[in-house]
Amino acid sequence: MGNYMREPINTMTHLVGAVLSLFGLVAMVLKSTFSGGSVLQTSAVIAFGVSMILLYLASTTYHMAKASDKIIAFLRRMDHSMIFVLIAGTYTPFCIISLKGTLGWIIFSIVSFIAFCGVLFKLIWFSCPRWLSTALYIALGWVIILASAPLSDAISMKGMFALILGGIFYTFGGVIYGIKPKFLSFKNWGFHEIFHIFIMLGTLCHFFCVYYFVI
């Protein structure tokens, strides 16, 4: 199977992520629907679920494709752009369902706008320094800490633990991606494969947080 993939391990890890994200989307929609959630609530969890799927599908396609340099470059741009999409998608249920009201909509609007600019940024200036794009991902992801007090009231301390743990996994993954530590290079695994695992763990934590403490 590896003969058909440019980067087999990176492809398979995020293919698993894409499949799990699909199941996660279905699970969240069903719970929201059968718990009497509003159209807005269900739309918020759909946005989160779709953003997960898009991120992992884009990553899977990029790491799997054996194509011309031009196509690979395009797929890589899509892969990196989807990180901003996932960040905005993850914020959506927390802002719209948990925070609600003015504060929720303000944070949602700001993060969505920055994420949109981030997508354009990656499409236009893809060759920007690795540390710069990584810093943008991490900084945008932690904006939610500004609303930690009302958010903890809404989703409980257990929910906050899952949310923060997910952020820590994402941050560690981002740092690994940003600095490319050589000591994390093994026979078939390098920093990028380990980065993928941290990203999946971050997504898993945030899914459980949304499923059990937000919906």
Protein backbone atom coordinates (compact mmCIF):
# COMPACT_ATOMS: atom_id res chain seq x y z
CA MET A 1 0.00 0.00 0.00
CA GLY A 2 2.92 2.31 0.75
CA ASN A 3 3.87 2.20 -2.94
CA TYR A 4 0.73 4.20 -3.72
CA MET A 5 1.42 6.86 -1.09
CA ARG A 6 4.08 9.55 -1.05
CA GLU A 7 4.21 9.53 2.77
CA PRO A 8 2.47 6.35 4.02
CA ILE A 9 2.52 6.98 7.78
CA ASN A 10 1.42 10.61 7.51
CA THR A 11 -1.28 9.56 5.07
CA MET A 12 -2.66 6.75 7.23
CA THR A 13 -2.67 8.68 10.50
CA HIS A 14 -4.74 11.51 9.12
CA LEU A 15 -6.91 9.18 7.05
CA VAL A 16 -7.86 7.62 10.38
CA GLY A 17 -8.47 11.16 11.62
CA ALA A 18 -10.77 11.89 8.68
CA VAL A 19 -12.82 8.73 9.26
CA LEU A 20 -13.10 9.37 13.00
CA SER A 21 -14.09 12.97 12.28
CA LEU A 22 -16.93 11.75 10.07
CA PHE A 23 -18.20 9.49 12.84
CA GLY A 24 -17.76 12.35 15.28
CA LEU A 25 -19.83 14.68 13.11
CA VAL A 26 -22.66 12.16 12.91
CA ALA A 27 -22.53 11.56 16.67
CA MET A 28 -22.66 15.28 17.49
CA VAL A 29 -25.52 15.97 15.10
CA LEU A 30 -27.53 13.05 16.47
CA LYS A 31 -26.99 14.13 20.07
CA SER A 32 -27.85 17.74 19.29
CA THR A 33 -30.97 16.73 17.39
CA PHE A 34 -32.31 14.22 19.90
CA SER A 35 -31.54 16.44 22.88
CA GLY A 36 -33.76 19.14 21.43
CA GLY A 37 -30.98 21.41 20.28
CA SER A 38 -31.88 24.44 18.21
CA VAL A 39 -31.03 24.82 14.56
CA LEU A 40 -28.27 27.23 15.58
CA GLN A 41 -26.79 24.70 18.02
CA THR A 42 -26.85 21.92 15.47
CA SER A 43 -25.33 24.22 12.85
CA ALA A 44 -22.50 25.05 15.26
CA VAL A 45 -21.59 21.41 15.82
CA ILE A 46 -21.85 20.76 12.08
CA ALA A 47 -19.35 23.57 11.49
CA PHE A 48 -16.99 21.94 13.98
CA GLY A 49 -17.42 18.47 12.49
CA VAL A 50 -17.00 19.63 8.90
CA SER A 51 -13.86 21.59 9.81
CA MET A 52 -12.34 18.44 11.30
CA ILE A 53 -13.13 16.44 8.18
CA LEU A 54 -11.73 19.13 5.87
CA LEU A 55 -8.49 19.35 7.84
CA TYR A 56 -7.85 15.63 7.85
CA LEU A 57 -8.95 15.08 4.26
CA ALA A 58 -6.70 17.90 3.05
CA SER A 59 -3.78 16.48 5.01
CA THR A 60 -4.44 12.93 3.80
CA THR A 61 -4.64 14.03 0.18
CA TYR A 62 -1.46 16.08 0.39
CA HIS A 63 0.61 13.35 2.03
CA MET A 64 -0.80 10.61 -0.21
CA ALA A 65 -0.60 12.24 -3.63
CA LYS A 66 2.16 11.32 -6.03
CA ALA A 67 1.90 14.11 -8.55
CA SER A 68 3.76 16.97 -10.18
CA ASP A 69 5.51 19.57 -8.06
CA LYS A 70 2.84 22.10 -9.01
CA ILE A 71 0.00 19.90 -7.76
CA ILE A 72 1.89 18.97 -4.60
CA ALA A 73 2.48 22.67 -3.88
CA PHE A 74 -1.23 23.39 -4.33
CA LEU A 75 -2.23 20.52 -2.04
CA ARG A 76 0.24 21.70 0.57
CA ARG A 77 -1.32 25.16 0.51
CA MET A 78 -4.73 23.59 1.05
CA ASP A 79 -3.37 21.44 3.86
CA HIS A 80 -1.94 24.41 5.74
CA SER A 81 -4.97 26.61 5.05
CA MET A 82 -7.30 24.06 6.60
CA ILE A 83 -5.55 24.53 9.94
CA PHE A 84 -7.14 27.96 10.17
CA VAL A 85 -10.48 26.45 9.12
CA LEU A 86 -10.24 23.88 11.92
CA ILE A 87 -9.39 26.56 14.48
CA ALA A 88 -12.45 28.62 13.49
CA GLY A 89 -14.62 25.51 13.35
CA THR A 90 -13.52 24.45 16.82
CA TYR A 91 -14.36 27.85 18.27
CA THR A 92 -17.87 27.77 16.80
CA PRO A 93 -19.69 25.50 19.30
CA PHE A 94 -17.92 27.05 22.29
CA CYS A 95 -18.81 30.58 21.19
CA ILE A 96 -22.32 29.97 19.85
CA ILE A 97 -23.56 27.33 22.32
CA SER A 98 -21.54 27.75 25.51
CA LEU A 99 -20.72 31.45 25.70
CA LYS A 100 -23.77 32.63 23.75
CA GLY A 101 -24.74 36.28 23.75
CA THR A 102 -22.57 39.23 22.90
CA LEU A 103 -19.27 37.81 24.17
CA GLY A 104 -19.67 34.58 22.24
CA TRP A 105 -20.52 36.33 19.01
CA ILE A 106 -17.68 38.84 19.40
CA ILE A 107 -15.07 36.11 19.90
CA PHE A 108 -16.59 34.03 17.10
CA SER A 109 -16.52 36.99 14.71
CA ILE A 110 -12.94 37.98 15.57
CA VAL A 111 -11.58 34.44 15.32
CA SER A 112 -13.47 33.73 12.09
CA PHE A 113 -12.17 36.94 10.51
CA ILE A 114 -8.57 36.22 11.56
CA ALA A 115 -8.91 32.63 10.34
CA PHE A 116 -10.19 33.87 6.98
CA CYS A 117 -7.23 36.25 6.74
CA GLY A 118 -4.99 33.36 7.76
CA VAL A 119 -6.23 31.26 4.86
CA LEU A 120 -5.50 34.12 2.46
CA PHE A 121 -2.13 34.61 4.13
CA LYS A 122 -1.14 30.98 3.52
CA LEU A 123 -2.40 31.05 -0.06
CA ILE A 124 -0.56 34.28 -0.90
CA TRP A 125 2.62 33.98 1.17
CA PHE A 126 3.09 30.27 1.63
CA SER A 127 6.86 30.56 1.89
CA CYS A 128 6.64 32.60 5.09
CA PRO A 129 8.96 31.48 7.92
CA ARG A 130 7.78 28.26 9.56
CA TRP A 131 7.93 29.84 13.02
CA LEU A 132 5.63 32.69 11.93
CA SER A 133 2.77 30.52 10.67
CA THR A 134 3.15 28.20 13.68
CA ALA A 135 2.98 31.17 16.06
CA LEU A 136 -0.19 32.40 14.33
CA TYR A 137 -1.87 29.00 14.69
CA ILE A 138 -0.99 28.72 18.37
CA ALA A 139 -1.86 32.32 19.27
CA LEU A 140 -5.25 32.15 17.56
CA GLY A 141 -5.99 28.86 19.25
CA TRP A 142 -5.44 30.30 22.73
CA VAL A 143 -7.61 33.43 22.29
CA ILE A 144 -10.39 31.50 24.04
CA ILE A 145 -8.49 31.84 27.32
CA LEU A 146 -9.74 35.44 27.46
CA ALA A 147 -13.21 34.04 28.14
CA SER A 148 -12.09 31.31 30.54
CA ALA A 149 -14.27 32.48 33.45
CA PRO A 150 -17.67 32.48 31.70
CA LEU A 151 -16.68 29.44 29.66
CA SER A 152 -15.80 27.39 32.75
CA ASP A 153 -19.21 28.27 34.20
CA ALA A 154 -20.85 26.97 31.03
CA ILE A 155 -18.94 23.73 30.45
CA SER A 156 -17.70 22.93 34.01
CA MET A 157 -14.14 22.37 35.14
CA LYS A 158 -14.09 18.92 33.55
CA GLY A 159 -14.96 20.50 30.23
CA MET A 160 -12.28 23.14 30.71
CA PHE A 161 -9.76 20.41 31.46
CA ALA A 162 -10.57 18.66 28.17
CA LEU A 163 -10.47 21.96 26.30
CA ILE A 164 -7.12 23.03 27.76
CA LEU A 165 -5.62 19.56 27.37
CA GLY A 166 -6.54 19.67 23.69
CA GLY A 167 -4.90 23.07 23.40
CA ILE A 168 -1.75 21.72 25.04
CA PHE A 169 -1.60 18.81 22.59
CA TYR A 170 -2.03 21.21 19.67
CA THR A 171 0.64 23.53 21.09
CA PHE A 172 3.16 20.75 21.60
CA GLY A 173 2.44 19.55 18.07
CA GLY A 174 2.90 23.06 16.73
CA VAL A 175 6.21 23.50 18.53
CA ILE A 176 7.44 20.15 17.19
CA TYR A 177 6.42 21.21 13.69
CA GLY A 178 7.99 24.64 14.10
CA ILE A 179 11.42 23.59 15.37
CA LYS A 180 11.75 20.17 13.66
CA PRO A 181 13.72 18.52 16.50
CA LYS A 182 16.23 16.01 15.15
CA PHE A 183 16.12 13.86 18.28
CA LEU A 184 12.56 12.84 17.33
CA SER A 185 13.75 11.11 14.17
CA PHE A 186 13.49 7.33 14.22
CA LYS A 187 13.55 4.61 11.56
CA ASN A 188 10.12 5.21 10.05
CA TRP A 189 8.99 8.11 12.22
CA GLY A 190 10.17 11.67 12.21
CA PHE A 191 9.03 14.94 13.74
CA HIS A 192 6.19 15.27 11.21
CA GLU A 193 4.65 11.90 12.02
CA ILE A 194 4.79 12.72 15.73
CA PHE A 195 3.31 16.15 14.99
CA HIS A 196 0.37 14.37 13.33
CA ILE A 197 -0.28 12.30 16.45
CA PHE A 198 -0.33 15.38 18.69
CA ILE A 199 -2.79 17.08 16.34
CA MET A 200 -5.09 14.06 16.44
CA LEU A 201 -4.94 13.99 20.25
CA GLY A 202 -5.84 17.68 20.34
CA THR A 203 -8.82 17.13 18.07
CA LEU A 204 -9.95 14.13 20.11
CA CYS A 205 -9.91 16.15 23.35
CA HIS A 206 -11.92 18.96 21.79
CA PHE A 207 -14.42 16.53 20.30
CA PHE A 208 -15.04 14.93 23.69
CA CYS A 209 -15.34 18.37 25.25
CA VAL A 210 -17.97 19.45 22.73
CA TYR A 211 -19.84 16.13 22.82
CA TYR A 212 -20.02 15.78 26.60
CA PHE A 213 -19.93 19.35 27.91
CA VAL A 214 -21.16 21.68 25.17
CA ILE A 215 -24.04 19.93 23.39
